[in-house]
């Protein structure tokens, strides 16, 4: 094994990774504009309202401006943004612990998401989810 060839190959790989990181940076968190843009790409017929973004900017709840029966759930996983629509038929549950809102839904790939929120935004998110959960309960009672 030639140590000079091995070390020069490692240096080349590290330099290439640094250049690629500078040329193609990964966005560091969710912004309101980024959330709306990605959700509109996911569901073009929707009209997203003002998102409720977690403190770490990794998870967001997105109310719809035109419909009280749908809620968007947007999560950043690595360099990808995952969008979901929670409808009247979606079974969800939620709980609060301190300043954290934990939303549980039926997706096996990501069964729950945690949002760390300031108190005023936590109340807004809880009100939105309470309304959605009440709709789910009414729908399940009617069936």
C-alpha atoms as a PDB file:
ATOM      1  CA  UNK A   1       0.000   0.000   0.000  1.00  0.00           C
ATOM      2  CA  UNK A   2       1.390   3.366  -1.011  1.00  0.00           C
ATOM      3  CA  UNK A   3       0.754   5.868   1.817  1.00  0.00           C
ATOM      4  CA  UNK A   4       1.406   8.867  -0.429  1.00  0.00           C
ATOM      5  CA  UNK A   5      -1.269   7.776  -2.887  1.00  0.00           C
ATOM      6  CA  UNK A   6      -3.732   7.004  -0.054  1.00  0.00           C
ATOM      7  CA  UNK A   7      -3.195  10.345   1.705  1.00  0.00           C
ATOM      8  CA  UNK A   8      -3.447  12.359  -1.518  1.00  0.00           C
ATOM      9  CA  UNK A   9      -6.713  10.561  -2.377  1.00  0.00           C
ATOM     10  CA  UNK A  10      -8.130  11.397   1.066  1.00  0.00           C
ATOM     11  CA  UNK A  11      -7.136  15.057   0.693  1.00  0.00           C
ATOM     12  CA  UNK A  12      -8.793  15.173  -2.743  1.00  0.00           C
ATOM     13  CA  UNK A  13     -12.014  13.673  -1.351  1.00  0.00           C
ATOM     14  CA  UNK A  14     -12.118  16.157   1.539  1.00  0.00           C
ATOM     15  CA  UNK A  15     -11.509  19.115  -0.794  1.00  0.00           C
ATOM     16  CA  UNK A  16     -14.204  17.910  -3.191  1.00  0.00           C
ATOM     17  CA  UNK A  17     -16.682  17.568  -0.298  1.00  0.00           C
ATOM     18  CA  UNK A  18     -15.891  21.114   0.906  1.00  0.00           C
ATOM     19  CA  UNK A  19     -16.324  22.581  -2.583  1.00  0.00           C
ATOM     20  CA  UNK A  20     -19.618  20.707  -3.075  1.00  0.00           C
ATOM     21  CA  UNK A  21     -20.824  21.938   0.326  1.00  0.00           C
ATOM     22  CA  UNK A  22     -20.108  25.545  -0.634  1.00  0.00           C
ATOM     23  CA  UNK A  23     -21.656  25.250  -4.090  1.00  0.00           C
ATOM     24  CA  UNK A  24     -24.810  23.393  -3.005  1.00  0.00           C
ATOM     25  CA  UNK A  25     -25.643  24.430   0.578  1.00  0.00           C
ATOM     26  CA  UNK A  26     -28.452  22.721   2.460  1.00  0.00           C
ATOM     27  CA  UNK A  27     -31.016  25.199   3.842  1.00  0.00           C
ATOM     28  CA  UNK A  28     -30.688  25.265   7.615  1.00  0.00           C
ATOM     29  CA  UNK A  29     -34.365  25.453   8.540  1.00  0.00           C
ATOM     30  CA  UNK A  30     -37.915  26.101   7.516  1.00  0.00           C
ATOM     31  CA  UNK A  31     -39.102  29.608   6.747  1.00  0.00           C
ATOM     32  CA  UNK A  32     -42.681  30.697   6.048  1.00  0.00           C
ATOM     33  CA  UNK A  33     -41.885  31.205   2.360  1.00  0.00           C
ATOM     34  CA  UNK A  34     -40.134  27.839   2.044  1.00  0.00           C
ATOM     35  CA  UNK A  35     -43.035  26.079   3.789  1.00  0.00           C
ATOM     36  CA  UNK A  36     -45.653  27.627   1.497  1.00  0.00           C
ATOM     37  CA  UNK A  37     -43.590  26.959  -1.650  1.00  0.00           C
ATOM     38  CA  UNK A  38     -43.018  23.279  -0.796  1.00  0.00           C
ATOM     39  CA  UNK A  39     -46.607  22.732   0.302  1.00  0.00           C
ATOM     40  CA  UNK A  40     -47.954  24.347  -2.878  1.00  0.00           C
ATOM     41  CA  UNK A  41     -45.730  21.992  -4.888  1.00  0.00           C
ATOM     42  CA  UNK A  42     -47.145  19.057  -2.854  1.00  0.00           C
ATOM     43  CA  UNK A  43     -50.789  20.199  -3.038  1.00  0.00           C
ATOM     44  CA  UNK A  44     -51.203  22.829  -5.780  1.00  0.00           C
ATOM     45  CA  UNK A  45     -54.963  23.197  -5.239  1.00  0.00           C
ATOM     46  CA  UNK A  46     -54.531  24.278  -1.592  1.00  0.00           C
ATOM     47  CA  UNK A  47     -54.401  27.795  -0.167  1.00  0.00           C
ATOM     48  CA  UNK A  48     -51.949  27.744   2.755  1.00  0.00           C
ATOM     49  CA  UNK A  49     -52.304  30.287   5.542  1.00  0.00           C
ATOM     50  CA  UNK A  50     -49.682  31.489   8.025  1.00  0.00           C
ATOM     51  CA  UNK A  51     -47.530  28.606   9.272  1.00  0.00           C
ATOM     52  CA  UNK A  52     -46.787  27.882  12.925  1.00  0.00           C
ATOM     53  CA  UNK A  53     -43.057  27.068  12.937  1.00  0.00           C
ATOM     54  CA  UNK A  54     -41.231  25.296  15.764  1.00  0.00           C
ATOM     55  CA  UNK A  55     -38.337  27.059  17.490  1.00  0.00           C
ATOM     56  CA  UNK A  56     -35.760  24.736  15.902  1.00  0.00           C
ATOM     57  CA  UNK A  57     -37.330  25.436  12.471  1.00  0.00           C
ATOM     58  CA  UNK A  58     -37.685  21.729  11.633  1.00  0.00           C
ATOM     59  CA  UNK A  59     -41.476  21.232  11.924  1.00  0.00           C
ATOM     60  CA  UNK A  60     -44.464  23.381  11.018  1.00  0.00           C
ATOM     61  CA  UNK A  61     -48.241  23.213  11.227  1.00  0.00           C
ATOM     62  CA  UNK A  62     -49.877  24.949   8.301  1.00  0.00           C
ATOM     63  CA  UNK A  63     -53.532  26.000   8.519  1.00  0.00           C
ATOM     64  CA  UNK A  64     -55.362  26.389   5.229  1.00  0.00           C
ATOM     65  CA  UNK A  65     -56.774  29.824   4.424  1.00  0.00           C
ATOM     66  CA  UNK A  66     -59.740  28.454   2.474  1.00  0.00           C
ATOM     67  CA  UNK A  67     -60.635  25.383   4.529  1.00  0.00           C
ATOM     68  CA  UNK A  68     -60.915  24.639   8.202  1.00  0.00           C
ATOM     69  CA  UNK A  69     -61.085  20.898   7.489  1.00  0.00           C
ATOM     70  CA  UNK A  70     -57.442  20.511   6.404  1.00  0.00           C
ATOM     71  CA  UNK A  71     -54.163  21.110   8.185  1.00  0.00           C
ATOM     72  CA  UNK A  72     -50.735  20.893   6.580  1.00  0.00           C
ATOM     73  CA  UNK A  73     -47.862  19.261   8.448  1.00  0.00           C
ATOM     74  CA  UNK A  74     -44.435  20.175   7.070  1.00  0.00           C
ATOM     75  CA  UNK A  75     -41.214  18.585   8.349  1.00  0.00           C
ATOM     76  CA  UNK A  76     -37.613  19.052   7.318  1.00  0.00           C
ATOM     77  CA  UNK A  77     -35.756  15.743   7.323  1.00  0.00           C
ATOM     78  CA  UNK A  78     -32.131  16.355   6.394  1.00  0.00           C
ATOM     79  CA  UNK A  79     -32.129  18.241   3.105  1.00  0.00           C
ATOM     80  CA  UNK A  80     -35.683  17.159   2.223  1.00  0.00           C
ATOM     81  CA  UNK A  81     -39.002  18.770   3.108  1.00  0.00           C
ATOM     82  CA  UNK A  82     -41.845  16.326   3.779  1.00  0.00           C
ATOM     83  CA  UNK A  83     -45.428  17.615   3.458  1.00  0.00           C
ATOM     84  CA  UNK A  84     -48.578  15.907   4.684  1.00  0.00           C
ATOM     85  CA  UNK A  85     -52.221  16.916   4.672  1.00  0.00           C
ATOM     86  CA  UNK A  86     -54.303  16.063   7.711  1.00  0.00           C
ATOM     87  CA  UNK A  87     -57.943  15.933   6.624  1.00  0.00           C
ATOM     88  CA  UNK A  88     -61.165  15.283   8.496  1.00  0.00           C
ATOM     89  CA  UNK A  89     -60.647  11.556   7.931  1.00  0.00           C
ATOM     90  CA  UNK A  90     -57.100  11.539   9.356  1.00  0.00           C
ATOM     91  CA  UNK A  91     -56.893  10.092  12.845  1.00  0.00           C
ATOM     92  CA  UNK A  92     -54.613  12.264  14.965  1.00  0.00           C
ATOM     93  CA  UNK A  93     -53.939  12.743  18.626  1.00  0.00           C
ATOM     94  CA  UNK A  94     -51.813  15.350  20.319  1.00  0.00           C
ATOM     95  CA  UNK A  95     -50.456  16.250  23.725  1.00  0.00           C
ATOM     96  CA  UNK A  96     -48.459  19.066  25.271  1.00  0.00           C
ATOM     97  CA  UNK A  97     -45.493  18.697  27.591  1.00  0.00           C
ATOM     98  CA  UNK A  98     -44.040  21.983  28.845  1.00  0.00           C
ATOM     99  CA  UNK A  99     -43.509  24.034  25.660  1.00  0.00           C
ATOM    100  CA  UNK A 100     -43.591  21.006  23.346  1.00  0.00           C
ATOM    101  CA  UNK A 101     -46.547  19.945  21.235  1.00  0.00           C
ATOM    102  CA  UNK A 102     -46.442  16.287  20.176  1.00  0.00           C
ATOM    103  CA  UNK A 103     -48.684  15.388  17.226  1.00  0.00           C
ATOM    104  CA  UNK A 104     -49.307  11.673  16.632  1.00  0.00           C
ATOM    105  CA  UNK A 105     -50.753  10.565  13.303  1.00  0.00           C
ATOM    106  CA  UNK A 106     -51.080   7.301  11.437  1.00  0.00           C
ATOM    107  CA  UNK A 107     -47.979   7.507   9.232  1.00  0.00           C
ATOM    108  CA  UNK A 108     -45.644   4.601   9.979  1.00  0.00           C
ATOM    109  CA  UNK A 109     -42.582   6.381   8.547  1.00  0.00           C
ATOM    110  CA  UNK A 110     -42.884   9.269  11.005  1.00  0.00           C
ATOM    111  CA  UNK A 111     -45.628   8.473  13.518  1.00  0.00           C
ATOM    112  CA  UNK A 112     -45.188  11.618  15.589  1.00  0.00           C
ATOM    113  CA  UNK A 113     -43.643  15.056  15.327  1.00  0.00           C
ATOM    114  CA  UNK A 114     -42.568  17.417  18.107  1.00  0.00           C
ATOM    115  CA  UNK A 115     -42.900  21.160  17.919  1.00  0.00           C
ATOM    116  CA  UNK A 116     -41.142  23.330  20.497  1.00  0.00           C
ATOM    117  CA  UNK A 117     -43.160  26.536  20.469  1.00  0.00           C
ATOM    118  CA  UNK A 118     -43.297  29.832  22.344  1.00  0.00           C
ATOM    119  CA  UNK A 119     -46.365  30.004  24.639  1.00  0.00           C
ATOM    120  CA  UNK A 120     -48.515  32.217  22.377  1.00  0.00           C
ATOM    121  CA  UNK A 121     -47.888  30.015  19.323  1.00  0.00           C
ATOM    122  CA  UNK A 122     -48.461  26.873  21.409  1.00  0.00           C
ATOM    123  CA  UNK A 123     -51.953  28.134  22.287  1.00  0.00           C
ATOM    124  CA  UNK A 124     -52.648  28.881  18.616  1.00  0.00           C
ATOM    125  CA  UNK A 125     -51.507  25.394  17.542  1.00  0.00           C
ATOM    126  CA  UNK A 126     -53.504  23.705  20.305  1.00  0.00           C
ATOM    127  CA  UNK A 127     -56.634  25.619  19.268  1.00  0.00           C
ATOM    128  CA  UNK A 128     -56.148  24.555  15.652  1.00  0.00           C
ATOM    129  CA  UNK A 129     -55.605  20.898  16.578  1.00  0.00           C
ATOM    130  CA  UNK A 130     -58.492  20.952  19.082  1.00  0.00           C
ATOM    131  CA  UNK A 131     -60.829  22.056  16.316  1.00  0.00           C
ATOM    132  CA  UNK A 132     -59.477  19.337  14.000  1.00  0.00           C
ATOM    133  CA  UNK A 133     -59.728  16.659  16.709  1.00  0.00           C
ATOM    134  CA  UNK A 134     -63.305  17.721  17.490  1.00  0.00           C
ATOM    135  CA  UNK A 135     -64.152  17.351  13.797  1.00  0.00           C
ATOM    136  CA  UNK A 136     -62.596  13.858  13.812  1.00  0.00           C
ATOM    137  CA  UNK A 137     -64.638  12.924  16.884  1.00  0.00           C
ATOM    138  CA  UNK A 138     -67.871  14.206  15.308  1.00  0.00           C
ATOM    139  CA  UNK A 139     -67.136  12.273  12.100  1.00  0.00           C
ATOM    140  CA  UNK A 140     -66.380   9.057  13.952  1.00  0.00           C
ATOM    141  CA  UNK A 141     -69.529   9.442  16.081  1.00  0.00           C
ATOM    142  CA  UNK A 142     -71.652   9.886  12.972  1.00  0.00           C
ATOM    143  CA  UNK A 143     -70.319   6.694  11.351  1.00  0.00           C
END
